[in-house]
Amino acid sequence: MLSEEVKTAYDNFYTNSDVAWRMLGAKYKAKNIIEVCKGIKPQKVLEIGAGDGSILHYLNDWNFAPELYALEIAQSGVDIINDRKLSRLKEARTFDGYKIPYDDDSFDLIILAHVLEHVEHERVLIRELKRVAQFIVVEVPKDYRFGVDNRVKHFLDYGHINMYTPTLLRFLLQSEGLEILEDKVSITAPETVKFNEFVNRKAPKTFTKNLKIELEYRIKKTLGNLLGRKKQEQFANAYTVLTKKSDQNLQIF
């Protein structure tokens, strides 16, 4: 069901990607995953849309689970994952984007980190996740802002064809019979903002700009803590949620 346009777009994506940038982002994604999963002890973990294995690198080093597996639509990504020689990695392979090539209940946990916003048929994929794992952790960027409809090209250039708020993601997951166990909103760390500003965008590195980045982060964190969850979700750049499957399926009318 994966369209040829999408497959072609990702086929060689990881051969030219910025390794340092991807590793920096993956570090914080892995931390979020570990935090929301602190109440479970998964033995077999599958990451879907594993990219170049950046998140798996940290989960492997931080002893997250004894067995790690990876599925990715791009062969270039799978090649890089295998080249990492991760000690806990049991298998990395390509798939068609929807049909997971494993038996029912093969895994304790599936990780879907910054993938759902790229998926053309998100509910089809979610039902496959439920088939093969007891727990599912999903992280998405919080792209939605006022006036986002004026920035369509910007998001399509990143391959983001879906947008979520924490509320919308919870609705999607719960309507597919998933129980929310833990969740977390997060603001992009100053380290990541600085890398994007000074390395990716090649902006001049100044004391004033450094200070502004640090202050903006601290102000948002402080206001979020003082004003509660609604304000935290407003400031968030990403949302991470751990779910558990139930026997319930989508019921309409």
Protein backbone atom coordinates (compact mmCIF):
# COMPACT_ATOMS: atom_id res chain seq x y z
CA MET A 1 0.00 0.00 0.00
CA LEU A 2 3.02 2.28 0.16
CA SER A 3 2.87 4.63 -2.81
CA GLU A 4 5.78 4.67 -5.26
CA GLU A 5 6.19 8.41 -4.72
CA VAL A 6 6.78 7.96 -0.99
CA LYS A 7 9.07 4.94 -1.42
CA THR A 8 11.20 6.73 -4.00
CA ALA A 9 11.48 9.80 -1.78
CA TYR A 10 12.98 7.74 1.05
CA ASP A 11 15.02 5.19 -0.93
CA ASN A 12 18.28 7.14 -0.74
CA PHE A 13 17.41 9.53 2.07
CA TYR A 14 19.88 8.20 4.61
CA THR A 15 22.87 8.09 2.29
CA ASN A 16 23.08 11.88 2.35
CA SER A 17 21.66 12.68 5.78
CA ASP A 18 23.57 14.65 8.40
CA VAL A 19 24.75 12.04 10.89
CA ALA A 20 25.53 14.46 13.74
CA TRP A 21 22.13 16.14 13.43
CA ARG A 22 20.25 12.84 13.39
CA MET A 23 22.20 11.48 16.36
CA LEU A 24 21.52 14.60 18.41
CA GLY A 25 17.78 14.41 17.79
CA ALA A 26 17.76 10.67 18.44
CA LYS A 27 19.36 11.12 21.86
CA TYR A 28 16.38 13.09 23.14
CA LYS A 29 13.84 10.82 21.41
CA ALA A 30 15.43 7.80 23.10
CA LYS A 31 15.29 9.56 26.48
CA ASN A 32 11.58 10.28 25.99
CA ILE A 33 10.91 6.65 25.06
CA ILE A 34 12.74 5.36 28.12
CA GLU A 35 10.91 7.79 30.39
CA VAL A 36 7.38 6.84 29.31
CA CYS A 37 8.32 3.14 29.36
CA LYS A 38 9.76 3.17 32.87
CA GLY A 39 6.84 1.09 34.18
CA ILE A 40 7.39 -1.84 31.82
CA LYS A 41 10.32 -4.20 31.20
CA PRO A 42 10.22 -5.14 27.51
CA GLN A 43 12.35 -8.04 26.36
CA LYS A 44 11.76 -7.86 22.59
CA VAL A 45 11.45 -4.40 21.04
CA LEU A 46 10.74 -3.53 17.42
CA GLU A 47 11.32 -0.05 16.02
CA ILE A 48 9.27 0.67 12.91
CA GLY A 49 10.56 3.38 10.62
CA ALA A 50 13.94 3.00 12.29
CA GLY A 51 15.71 5.26 9.81
CA ASP A 52 19.47 4.92 10.14
CA GLY A 53 19.24 3.34 13.61
CA SER A 54 20.09 6.48 15.58
CA ILE A 55 17.48 5.81 18.27
CA LEU A 56 18.40 2.13 18.41
CA HIS A 57 22.02 3.17 18.96
CA TYR A 58 21.09 4.86 22.24
CA LEU A 59 18.59 2.19 23.32
CA ASN A 60 21.31 -0.40 22.75
CA ASP A 61 23.93 1.54 24.71
CA TRP A 62 21.51 2.29 27.55
CA ASN A 63 20.44 -1.38 27.90
CA PHE A 64 16.78 -0.67 27.19
CA ALA A 65 15.92 -4.25 26.19
CA PRO A 66 17.79 -7.52 25.55
CA GLU A 67 16.53 -7.87 21.96
CA LEU A 68 16.13 -5.08 19.42
CA TYR A 69 14.65 -5.35 15.92
CA ALA A 70 14.22 -2.78 13.15
CA LEU A 71 11.95 -2.29 10.15
CA GLU A 72 12.54 0.46 7.60
CA ILE A 73 11.21 1.19 4.11
CA ALA A 74 14.59 2.43 2.81
CA GLN A 75 17.34 -0.08 2.08
CA SER A 76 19.89 2.68 2.70
CA GLY A 77 18.63 2.94 6.28
CA VAL A 78 18.79 -0.82 6.86
CA ASP A 79 22.35 -0.93 5.54
CA ILE A 80 23.45 1.75 7.99
CA ILE A 81 21.66 0.05 10.89
CA ASN A 82 23.46 -3.22 10.18
CA ASP A 83 26.78 -1.39 9.84
CA ARG A 84 26.38 -0.10 13.40
CA LYS A 85 26.97 -3.64 14.75
CA LEU A 86 24.67 -3.06 17.73
CA SER A 87 25.18 -5.83 20.27
CA ARG A 88 21.46 -6.21 21.05
CA LEU A 89 20.20 -5.95 17.48
CA LYS A 90 18.78 -9.27 16.28
CA GLU A 91 17.46 -8.23 12.87
CA ALA A 92 17.03 -5.20 10.61
CA ARG A 93 15.08 -5.49 7.38
CA THR A 94 12.97 -3.58 4.89
CA PHE A 95 9.19 -3.76 4.71
CA ASP A 96 6.42 -2.24 2.60
CA GLY A 97 5.44 0.41 5.14
CA TYR A 98 2.31 -1.34 6.39
CA LYS A 99 2.52 -5.14 6.55
CA ILE A 100 4.74 -6.14 9.47
CA PRO A 101 6.53 -9.41 8.57
CA TYR A 102 6.20 -11.01 12.01
CA ASP A 103 3.63 -13.25 13.68
CA ASP A 104 0.93 -12.07 16.08
CA ASP A 105 2.21 -10.97 19.50
CA SER A 106 5.86 -11.34 18.48
CA PHE A 107 7.03 -8.32 20.48
CA ASP A 108 6.57 -6.78 23.89
CA LEU A 109 6.94 -3.23 22.58
CA ILE A 110 6.85 -1.39 19.27
CA ILE A 111 8.44 2.05 18.87
CA LEU A 112 7.05 4.49 16.32
CA ALA A 113 9.10 7.66 16.74
CA HIS A 114 8.50 10.55 14.34
CA VAL A 115 6.96 8.21 11.79
CA LEU A 116 3.19 8.64 11.99
CA GLU A 117 3.31 12.14 10.52
CA HIS A 118 4.78 10.58 7.34
CA VAL A 119 2.23 7.75 6.97
CA GLU A 120 -0.44 7.96 4.28
CA HIS A 121 -2.79 5.42 5.91
CA GLU A 122 -2.14 5.80 9.62
CA ARG A 123 -5.00 3.65 10.93
CA VAL A 124 -3.94 0.73 8.75
CA LEU A 125 -0.48 0.84 10.30
CA ILE A 126 -1.80 1.22 13.86
CA ARG A 127 -3.89 -1.94 13.47
CA GLU A 128 -0.78 -3.83 12.40
CA LEU A 129 1.09 -2.54 15.44
CA LYS A 130 -1.67 -3.91 17.68
CA ARG A 131 -1.43 -7.28 15.97
CA VAL A 132 2.23 -7.86 16.78
CA ALA A 133 2.85 -6.13 20.14
CA GLN A 134 1.32 -5.67 23.58
CA PHE A 135 2.67 -2.14 24.10
CA ILE A 136 3.20 0.66 21.59
CA VAL A 137 5.07 3.90 22.15
CA VAL A 138 4.45 6.73 19.69
CA GLU A 139 6.22 10.06 19.44
CA VAL A 140 5.19 12.79 17.02
CA PRO A 141 6.32 16.37 16.46
CA LYS A 142 3.79 19.00 17.45
CA ASP A 143 3.78 20.79 14.12
CA TYR A 144 0.37 22.36 14.50
CA ARG A 145 0.43 26.10 15.13
CA PHE A 146 -1.89 28.95 14.22
CA GLY A 147 -1.54 29.70 10.51
CA VAL A 148 -0.07 26.30 9.70
CA ASP A 149 -2.19 26.18 6.53
CA ASN A 150 0.04 28.93 5.15
CA ARG A 151 3.12 26.70 5.53
CA VAL A 152 2.01 23.62 3.62
CA LYS A 153 5.11 23.48 1.42
CA HIS A 154 7.41 23.82 4.44
CA PHE A 155 6.00 20.68 6.07
CA LEU A 156 5.70 18.70 2.85
CA ASP A 157 9.40 19.36 2.24
CA TYR A 158 10.01 17.38 5.45
CA GLY A 159 7.59 14.65 4.40
CA HIS A 160 5.06 15.62 7.08
CA ILE A 161 1.66 14.84 5.58
CA ASN A 162 -0.19 14.51 8.92
CA MET A 163 -0.30 16.87 11.88
CA TYR A 164 -1.13 16.18 15.49
CA THR A 165 -1.72 17.88 18.77
CA PRO A 166 -1.53 15.76 21.93
CA THR A 167 -5.34 15.69 22.00
CA LEU A 168 -5.65 14.60 18.38
CA LEU A 169 -3.05 11.85 18.78
CA ARG A 170 -4.76 10.53 21.91
CA PHE A 171 -8.08 10.49 20.05
CA LEU A 172 -6.56 8.56 17.14
CA LEU A 173 -4.93 5.96 19.38
CA GLN A 174 -7.89 5.52 21.73
CA SER A 175 -10.36 5.24 18.86
CA GLU A 176 -8.27 2.30 17.61
CA GLY A 177 -8.60 0.51 20.94
CA LEU A 178 -5.33 1.55 22.57
CA GLU A 179 -5.20 2.44 26.25
CA ILE A 180 -3.04 5.43 27.22
CA LEU A 181 -0.65 4.43 30.02
CA GLU A 182 1.94 7.23 30.14
CA ASP A 183 2.63 10.36 28.15
CA LYS A 184 5.05 13.25 28.01
CA VAL A 185 5.28 16.62 26.30
CA SER A 186 8.73 17.98 25.54
CA ILE A 187 10.31 21.21 24.38
CA THR A 188 13.29 21.10 22.03
CA ALA A 189 16.46 21.24 24.12
CA PRO A 190 18.75 24.29 23.75
CA GLU A 191 21.54 22.00 22.53
CA THR A 192 19.40 20.95 19.57
CA VAL A 193 18.18 24.47 18.81
CA LYS A 194 21.76 25.77 18.79
CA PHE A 195 22.95 23.01 16.46
CA ASN A 196 20.13 23.77 14.04
CA GLU A 197 20.77 27.51 14.20
CA PHE A 198 24.57 27.62 14.09
CA VAL A 199 25.45 24.44 12.18
CA ASN A 200 22.51 23.63 9.92
CA ARG A 201 21.52 27.21 9.14
CA LYS A 202 25.08 28.57 9.54
CA ALA A 203 23.87 31.61 11.47
CA PRO A 204 26.56 33.68 13.25
CA LYS A 205 27.17 32.36 16.75
CA THR A 206 26.81 35.23 19.20
CA PHE A 207 26.49 35.58 22.96
CA THR A 208 23.11 37.29 22.51
CA LYS A 209 21.70 34.50 20.35
CA ASN A 210 22.98 31.83 22.74
CA LEU A 211 21.39 33.63 25.67
CA LYS A 212 18.09 34.06 23.84
CA ILE A 213 17.88 30.32 23.11
CA GLU A 214 18.62 29.40 26.72
CA LEU A 215 16.17 31.95 28.15
CA GLU A 216 13.35 30.96 25.80
CA TYR A 217 13.68 27.34 26.88
CA ARG A 218 13.77 28.18 30.59
CA ILE A 219 10.82 30.59 30.37
CA LYS A 220 8.65 28.02 28.58
CA LYS A 221 9.58 25.30 31.08
CA THR A 222 8.87 27.58 34.04
CA LEU A 223 5.54 28.85 32.69
CA GLY A 224 4.50 25.30 31.84
CA ASN A 225 5.26 24.13 35.37
CA LEU A 226 3.39 27.08 36.89
CA LEU A 227 0.35 27.12 34.59
CA GLY A 228 -0.20 23.39 34.16
CA ARG A 229 -0.64 20.77 31.48
CA LYS A 230 -2.60 22.87 28.98
CA LYS A 231 0.21 25.42 28.79
CA GLN A 232 2.84 22.65 28.62
CA GLU A 233 1.07 21.16 25.60
CA GLN A 234 0.89 24.60 24.00
CA PHE A 235 4.66 25.10 24.29
CA ALA A 236 5.57 21.52 23.37
CA ASN A 237 7.56 20.58 20.27
CA ALA A 238 6.97 16.83 20.64
CA TYR A 239 4.54 14.46 22.30
CA THR A 240 5.39 10.92 23.44
CA VAL A 241 2.80 8.38 24.56
CA LEU A 242 2.92 4.77 25.76
CA THR A 243 -0.15 2.68 24.97
CA LYS A 244 -1.37 -0.84 25.65
CA LYS A 245 -3.57 -2.74 23.26
CA SER A 246 -7.02 -3.94 24.20
CA ASP A 247 -9.55 -6.19 22.49
CA GLN A 248 -11.53 -3.16 21.39
CA ASN A 249 -11.48 -2.16 17.72
CA LEU A 250 -12.76 0.90 15.91
CA GLN A 251 -16.52 1.15 16.33
CA ILE A 252 -18.54 3.67 14.34
CA PHE A 253 -22.26 4.20 14.99
